[in-house]
Amino acid sequence: MRVDLIGISAIGFVVARIVFPEKDSRSVVIPQTPKWLLIAALISLGLSAAAALAHRYYSADSMSWHLQAMRRYERSAETDIATVNAEFKARHRQFTISKYSIAFSAIALGLGAALLIAAIIFSLV
């Protein structure tokens, strides 16, 4: 998440200092290649941050399901057996969502970083 936010702020730096090096930004024409690379990098880093937040939410929620199921399992009452099985299924579902969201976050972060580096290179050329 922190790297995503650093990348988003780096996009602002690239736009302010490299694409628009002069004080009057209206007179500078943005080259098309860096413009679309910067937009794609911004979208990718934003999606990565959103997926990182989703991972944090679902991992914490899955741990709450796990703790509830463990408490019922330790109590080992007859009425709790069906509830324990349902809570284990909910926990597994939350863990699966958490696993896929962190994987998507990592892929989107790598793509966003690569697009940002490409935009910097193309804007300097």
N, C-alpha and C. Protein backbone atom coordinates (compact mmCIF):
# COMPACT_ATOMS: atom_id res chain seq x y z
N MET A 1 0.82 -1.19 0.00
CA MET A 1 0.00 0.00 0.00
C MET A 1 0.87 1.26 0.00
N ARG A 2 1.92 1.24 0.82
CA ARG A 2 2.79 2.41 0.89
C ARG A 2 3.52 2.63 -0.43
N VAL A 3 3.94 1.55 -1.05
CA VAL A 3 4.64 1.68 -2.33
C VAL A 3 3.69 2.21 -3.40
N ASP A 4 2.43 1.79 -3.35
CA ASP A 4 1.43 2.32 -4.29
C ASP A 4 1.28 3.83 -4.14
N LEU A 5 1.19 4.29 -2.90
CA LEU A 5 1.03 5.72 -2.67
C LEU A 5 2.27 6.50 -3.06
N ILE A 6 3.45 5.91 -2.86
CA ILE A 6 4.68 6.56 -3.31
C ILE A 6 4.70 6.65 -4.83
N GLY A 7 4.25 5.59 -5.50
CA GLY A 7 4.18 5.60 -6.97
C GLY A 7 3.21 6.63 -7.49
N ILE A 8 2.08 6.78 -6.83
CA ILE A 8 1.11 7.79 -7.25
C ILE A 8 1.67 9.19 -7.08
N SER A 9 2.39 9.41 -5.98
CA SER A 9 3.01 10.73 -5.79
C SER A 9 4.16 10.94 -6.77
N ALA A 10 4.83 9.87 -7.18
CA ALA A 10 5.89 9.99 -8.20
C ALA A 10 5.30 10.39 -9.55
N ILE A 11 4.09 9.96 -9.84
CA ILE A 11 3.43 10.38 -11.08
C ILE A 11 3.20 11.88 -11.05
N GLY A 12 2.78 12.40 -9.92
CA GLY A 12 2.63 13.85 -9.78
C GLY A 12 3.94 14.57 -9.96
N PHE A 13 5.02 14.01 -9.43
CA PHE A 13 6.34 14.61 -9.61
C PHE A 13 6.75 14.61 -11.07
N VAL A 14 6.51 13.50 -11.75
CA VAL A 14 6.87 13.41 -13.18
C VAL A 14 6.10 14.44 -13.99
N VAL A 15 4.83 14.57 -13.71
CA VAL A 15 4.03 15.54 -14.45
C VAL A 15 4.49 16.96 -14.15
N ALA A 16 4.76 17.25 -12.89
CA ALA A 16 5.14 18.62 -12.50
C ALA A 16 6.55 18.99 -12.93
N ARG A 17 7.49 18.09 -12.85
CA ARG A 17 8.89 18.44 -13.08
C ARG A 17 9.45 18.03 -14.43
N ILE A 18 9.00 16.93 -14.97
CA ILE A 18 9.59 16.43 -16.22
C ILE A 18 8.74 16.79 -17.42
N VAL A 19 7.43 16.54 -17.34
CA VAL A 19 6.57 16.83 -18.48
C VAL A 19 6.35 18.34 -18.61
N PHE A 20 6.16 19.02 -17.49
CA PHE A 20 5.98 20.48 -17.49
C PHE A 20 7.15 21.15 -16.77
N PRO A 21 8.31 21.23 -17.39
CA PRO A 21 9.45 21.81 -16.67
C PRO A 21 9.36 23.32 -16.49
N GLU A 22 8.59 24.01 -17.29
CA GLU A 22 8.47 25.46 -17.19
C GLU A 22 7.36 25.82 -16.23
N LYS A 23 7.33 27.08 -15.79
CA LYS A 23 6.30 27.52 -14.86
C LYS A 23 4.95 27.65 -15.54
N ASP A 24 4.94 28.04 -16.81
CA ASP A 24 3.68 28.18 -17.54
C ASP A 24 3.36 26.84 -18.20
N SER A 25 2.51 26.06 -17.55
CA SER A 25 2.23 24.71 -18.04
C SER A 25 1.30 24.71 -19.25
N ARG A 26 0.65 25.82 -19.55
CA ARG A 26 -0.29 25.85 -20.68
C ARG A 26 0.44 25.87 -22.02
N SER A 27 1.68 26.30 -22.04
CA SER A 27 2.38 26.41 -23.31
C SER A 27 3.10 25.13 -23.71
N VAL A 28 3.15 24.15 -22.82
CA VAL A 28 3.86 22.91 -23.10
C VAL A 28 2.87 21.87 -23.61
N VAL A 29 3.22 21.20 -24.69
CA VAL A 29 2.38 20.13 -25.23
C VAL A 29 2.91 18.81 -24.69
N ILE A 30 2.03 18.05 -24.09
CA ILE A 30 2.42 16.76 -23.53
C ILE A 30 2.55 15.76 -24.67
N PRO A 31 3.69 15.08 -24.79
CA PRO A 31 3.80 14.01 -25.79
C PRO A 31 2.79 12.90 -25.49
N GLN A 32 2.25 12.29 -26.52
CA GLN A 32 1.19 11.30 -26.35
C GLN A 32 1.64 10.04 -25.62
N THR A 33 2.85 9.56 -25.91
CA THR A 33 3.29 8.31 -25.29
C THR A 33 3.41 8.43 -23.78
N PRO A 34 4.13 9.43 -23.24
CA PRO A 34 4.19 9.52 -21.78
C PRO A 34 2.83 9.80 -21.13
N LYS A 35 1.98 10.52 -21.85
CA LYS A 35 0.67 10.85 -21.30
C LYS A 35 -0.13 9.57 -21.04
N TRP A 36 -0.20 8.70 -22.01
CA TRP A 36 -0.97 7.47 -21.84
C TRP A 36 -0.28 6.49 -20.90
N LEU A 37 1.04 6.49 -20.88
CA LEU A 37 1.75 5.64 -19.92
C LEU A 37 1.52 6.12 -18.49
N LEU A 38 1.50 7.44 -18.30
CA LEU A 38 1.23 7.98 -16.96
C LEU A 38 -0.19 7.67 -16.50
N ILE A 39 -1.14 7.78 -17.43
CA ILE A 39 -2.53 7.47 -17.09
C ILE A 39 -2.67 5.99 -16.75
N ALA A 40 -2.04 5.13 -17.54
CA ALA A 40 -2.11 3.69 -17.28
C ALA A 40 -1.41 3.34 -15.96
N ALA A 41 -0.29 3.99 -15.68
CA ALA A 41 0.41 3.75 -14.41
C ALA A 41 -0.44 4.20 -13.22
N LEU A 42 -1.10 5.33 -13.37
CA LEU A 42 -1.96 5.83 -12.29
C LEU A 42 -3.13 4.88 -12.03
N ILE A 43 -3.74 4.38 -13.07
CA ILE A 43 -4.85 3.42 -12.92
C ILE A 43 -4.35 2.13 -12.28
N SER A 44 -3.21 1.64 -12.75
CA SER A 44 -2.67 0.40 -12.21
C SER A 44 -2.29 0.53 -10.74
N LEU A 45 -1.66 1.63 -10.38
CA LEU A 45 -1.29 1.84 -8.98
C LEU A 45 -2.53 2.06 -8.10
N GLY A 46 -3.55 2.70 -8.63
CA GLY A 46 -4.80 2.86 -7.89
C GLY A 46 -5.49 1.53 -7.64
N LEU A 47 -5.51 0.67 -8.67
CA LEU A 47 -6.10 -0.66 -8.50
C LEU A 47 -5.30 -1.49 -7.51
N SER A 48 -3.99 -1.34 -7.54
CA SER A 48 -3.15 -2.06 -6.60
C SER A 48 -3.42 -1.62 -5.16
N ALA A 49 -3.59 -0.33 -4.95
CA ALA A 49 -3.91 0.17 -3.61
C ALA A 49 -5.28 -0.34 -3.15
N ALA A 50 -6.24 -0.36 -4.06
CA ALA A 50 -7.57 -0.86 -3.71
C ALA A 50 -7.52 -2.35 -3.36
N ALA A 51 -6.75 -3.12 -4.11
CA ALA A 51 -6.62 -4.55 -3.81
C ALA A 51 -5.88 -4.77 -2.49
N ALA A 52 -4.92 -3.93 -2.18
CA ALA A 52 -4.22 -4.05 -0.89
C ALA A 52 -5.17 -3.76 0.27
N LEU A 53 -6.05 -2.79 0.10
CA LEU A 53 -7.05 -2.51 1.13
C LEU A 53 -8.04 -3.66 1.27
N ALA A 54 -8.42 -4.25 0.13
CA ALA A 54 -9.33 -5.40 0.17
C ALA A 54 -8.66 -6.57 0.89
N HIS A 55 -7.38 -6.79 0.63
CA HIS A 55 -6.66 -7.86 1.32
C HIS A 55 -6.67 -7.63 2.82
N ARG A 56 -6.42 -6.41 3.22
CA ARG A 56 -6.38 -6.10 4.66
C ARG A 56 -7.75 -6.36 5.30
N TYR A 57 -8.81 -5.96 4.63
CA TYR A 57 -10.15 -6.16 5.17
C TYR A 57 -10.49 -7.64 5.27
N TYR A 58 -10.30 -8.38 4.18
CA TYR A 58 -10.70 -9.78 4.16
C TYR A 58 -9.81 -10.66 5.04
N SER A 59 -8.54 -10.32 5.17
CA SER A 59 -7.69 -11.11 6.07
C SER A 59 -8.09 -10.91 7.52
N ALA A 60 -8.41 -9.68 7.91
CA ALA A 60 -8.86 -9.43 9.28
C ALA A 60 -10.22 -10.08 9.53
N ASP A 61 -11.10 -10.03 8.54
CA ASP A 61 -12.42 -10.65 8.69
C ASP A 61 -12.30 -12.16 8.79
N SER A 62 -11.40 -12.74 8.03
CA SER A 62 -11.23 -14.20 8.08
C SER A 62 -10.68 -14.63 9.43
N MET A 63 -9.83 -13.81 10.04
CA MET A 63 -9.33 -14.16 11.36
C MET A 63 -10.44 -14.10 12.41
N SER A 64 -11.38 -13.18 12.25
CA SER A 64 -12.49 -13.13 13.21
C SER A 64 -13.36 -14.38 13.08
N TRP A 65 -13.58 -14.84 11.83
CA TRP A 65 -14.34 -16.08 11.64
C TRP A 65 -13.57 -17.26 12.24
N HIS A 66 -12.26 -17.26 12.08
CA HIS A 66 -11.44 -18.35 12.62
C HIS A 66 -11.53 -18.39 14.15
N LEU A 67 -11.42 -17.23 14.78
CA LEU A 67 -11.49 -17.19 16.25
C LEU A 67 -12.86 -17.62 16.77
N GLN A 68 -13.91 -17.21 16.08
CA GLN A 68 -15.25 -17.64 16.50
C GLN A 68 -15.39 -19.16 16.39
N ALA A 69 -14.90 -19.70 15.30
CA ALA A 69 -15.00 -21.16 15.11
C ALA A 69 -14.16 -21.90 16.14
N MET A 70 -12.99 -21.39 16.47
CA MET A 70 -12.14 -22.06 17.46
C MET A 70 -12.78 -22.02 18.85
N ARG A 71 -13.43 -20.92 19.19
CA ARG A 71 -14.11 -20.85 20.49
C ARG A 71 -15.25 -21.86 20.57
N ARG A 72 -16.01 -21.98 19.50
CA ARG A 72 -17.10 -22.96 19.49
C ARG A 72 -16.56 -24.39 19.50
N TYR A 73 -15.45 -24.60 18.82
CA TYR A 73 -14.85 -25.93 18.79
C TYR A 73 -14.35 -26.34 20.18
N GLU A 74 -13.76 -25.41 20.89
CA GLU A 74 -13.28 -25.70 22.24
C GLU A 74 -14.43 -25.98 23.21
N ARG A 75 -15.55 -25.31 22.99
CA ARG A 75 -16.72 -25.53 23.84
C ARG A 75 -17.30 -26.92 23.61
N SER A 76 -17.19 -27.38 22.38
CA SER A 76 -17.63 -28.70 21.92
C SER A 76 -19.04 -29.08 22.39
N ALA A 77 -19.95 -28.14 22.23
CA ALA A 77 -21.35 -28.44 22.51
C ALA A 77 -21.99 -29.07 21.27
N GLU A 78 -23.02 -29.84 21.47
CA GLU A 78 -23.67 -30.53 20.35
C GLU A 78 -24.28 -29.55 19.35
N THR A 79 -24.79 -28.46 19.82
CA THR A 79 -25.44 -27.51 18.92
C THR A 79 -24.44 -26.66 18.14
N ASP A 80 -23.19 -26.68 18.57
CA ASP A 80 -22.19 -25.84 17.92
C ASP A 80 -21.52 -26.49 16.72
N ILE A 81 -21.71 -27.78 16.50
CA ILE A 81 -21.00 -28.49 15.44
C ILE A 81 -21.37 -27.93 14.06
N ALA A 82 -22.64 -27.73 13.78
CA ALA A 82 -23.06 -27.19 12.48
C ALA A 82 -22.59 -25.75 12.33
N THR A 83 -22.61 -25.00 13.42
CA THR A 83 -22.16 -23.62 13.37
C THR A 83 -20.66 -23.54 13.10
N VAL A 84 -19.90 -24.45 13.72
CA VAL A 84 -18.46 -24.48 13.50
C VAL A 84 -18.14 -24.77 12.04
N ASN A 85 -18.83 -25.73 11.45
CA ASN A 85 -18.59 -26.05 10.04
C ASN A 85 -18.91 -24.86 9.14
N ALA A 86 -19.99 -24.16 9.43
CA ALA A 86 -20.35 -22.98 8.63
C ALA A 86 -19.32 -21.88 8.80
N GLU A 87 -18.80 -21.70 10.01
CA GLU A 87 -17.80 -20.67 10.24
C GLU A 87 -16.46 -21.02 9.60
N PHE A 88 -16.12 -22.30 9.57
CA PHE A 88 -14.90 -22.70 8.86
C PHE A 88 -15.02 -22.45 7.36
N LYS A 89 -16.20 -22.68 6.81
CA LYS A 89 -16.41 -22.40 5.38
C LYS A 89 -16.32 -20.90 5.10
N ALA A 90 -16.90 -20.10 5.97
CA ALA A 90 -16.81 -18.64 5.81
C ALA A 90 -15.37 -18.17 5.92
N ARG A 91 -14.63 -18.74 6.86
CA ARG A 91 -13.22 -18.39 7.02
C ARG A 91 -12.42 -18.75 5.79
N HIS A 92 -12.67 -19.91 5.24
CA HIS A 92 -11.95 -20.33 4.03
C HIS A 92 -12.28 -19.42 2.85
N ARG A 93 -13.53 -19.03 2.73
CA ARG A 93 -13.94 -18.12 1.66
C ARG A 93 -13.24 -16.76 1.80
N GLN A 94 -13.15 -16.25 3.02
CA GLN A 94 -12.48 -14.97 3.27
C GLN A 94 -10.99 -15.08 2.99
N PHE A 95 -10.37 -16.19 3.39
CA PHE A 95 -8.95 -16.39 3.11
C PHE A 95 -8.68 -16.46 1.61
N THR A 96 -9.58 -17.09 0.87
CA THR A 96 -9.40 -17.19 -0.58
C THR A 96 -9.48 -15.81 -1.23
N ILE A 97 -10.44 -15.01 -0.83
CA ILE A 97 -10.55 -13.65 -1.37
C ILE A 97 -9.31 -12.85 -1.01
N SER A 98 -8.84 -13.01 0.20
CA SER A 98 -7.64 -12.30 0.66
C SER A 98 -6.42 -12.71 -0.16
N LYS A 99 -6.30 -14.01 -0.45
CA LYS A 99 -5.16 -14.51 -1.22
C LYS A 99 -5.16 -13.93 -2.63
N TYR A 100 -6.31 -13.93 -3.28
CA TYR A 100 -6.36 -13.41 -4.65
C TYR A 100 -6.20 -11.89 -4.70
N SER A 101 -6.68 -11.20 -3.68
CA SER A 101 -6.53 -9.74 -3.70
C SER A 101 -5.09 -9.32 -3.49
N ILE A 102 -4.32 -10.02 -2.67
CA ILE A 102 -2.92 -9.65 -2.48
C ILE A 102 -2.11 -10.03 -3.73
N ALA A 103 -2.47 -11.10 -4.39
CA ALA A 103 -1.78 -11.45 -5.63
C ALA A 103 -2.06 -10.41 -6.72
N PHE A 104 -3.31 -9.98 -6.83
CA PHE A 104 -3.66 -8.95 -7.80
C PHE A 104 -2.97 -7.64 -7.47
N SER A 105 -2.87 -7.32 -6.19
CA SER A 105 -2.20 -6.09 -5.77
C SER A 105 -0.73 -6.11 -6.17
N ALA A 106 -0.08 -7.24 -5.99
CA ALA A 106 1.34 -7.34 -6.35
C ALA A 106 1.55 -7.23 -7.86
N ILE A 107 0.68 -7.86 -8.63
CA ILE A 107 0.80 -7.79 -10.10
C ILE A 107 0.53 -6.38 -10.60
N ALA A 108 -0.50 -5.75 -10.06
CA ALA A 108 -0.82 -4.38 -10.48
C ALA A 108 0.27 -3.40 -10.05
N LEU A 109 0.89 -3.63 -8.90
CA LEU A 109 2.00 -2.78 -8.46
C LEU A 109 3.18 -2.91 -9.40
N GLY A 110 3.53 -4.12 -9.78
CA GLY A 110 4.63 -4.32 -10.73
C GLY A 110 4.35 -3.69 -12.08
N LEU A 111 3.13 -3.84 -12.56
CA LEU A 111 2.76 -3.23 -13.83
C LEU A 111 2.78 -1.72 -13.74
N GLY A 112 2.26 -1.16 -12.66
CA GLY A 112 2.26 0.29 -12.48
C GLY A 112 3.66 0.85 -12.39
N ALA A 113 4.55 0.15 -11.68
CA ALA A 113 5.94 0.61 -11.58
C ALA A 113 6.63 0.56 -12.94
N ALA A 114 6.39 -0.50 -13.70
CA ALA A 114 6.99 -0.60 -15.03
C ALA A 114 6.47 0.49 -15.96
N LEU A 115 5.19 0.77 -15.90
CA LEU A 115 4.61 1.83 -16.74
C LEU A 115 5.14 3.20 -16.33
N LEU A 116 5.32 3.42 -15.05
CA LEU A 116 5.86 4.70 -14.57
C LEU A 116 7.31 4.89 -15.03
N ILE A 117 8.10 3.84 -14.93
CA ILE A 117 9.49 3.93 -15.41
C ILE A 117 9.53 4.17 -16.91
N ALA A 118 8.66 3.49 -17.64
CA ALA A 118 8.60 3.71 -19.10
C ALA A 118 8.17 5.14 -19.43
N ALA A 119 7.24 5.67 -18.67
CA ALA A 119 6.79 7.06 -18.90
C ALA A 119 7.91 8.03 -18.62
N ILE A 120 8.68 7.80 -17.59
CA ILE A 120 9.81 8.68 -17.28
C ILE A 120 10.86 8.61 -18.40
N ILE A 121 11.16 7.43 -18.85
CA ILE A 121 12.14 7.28 -19.92
C ILE A 121 11.67 7.95 -21.20
N PHE A 122 10.41 7.75 -21.58
CA PHE A 122 9.90 8.33 -22.81
C PHE A 122 9.76 9.85 -22.71
N SER A 123 9.49 10.35 -21.52
CA SER A 123 9.36 11.80 -21.40
C SER A 123 10.72 12.51 -21.40
N LEU A 124 11.77 11.78 -21.04
CA LEU A 124 13.11 12.38 -21.07
C LEU A 124 13.74 12.32 -22.44
N VAL A 125 13.28 11.42 -23.28
CA VAL A 125 13.86 11.27 -24.63
C VAL A 125 13.38 12.35 -25.55
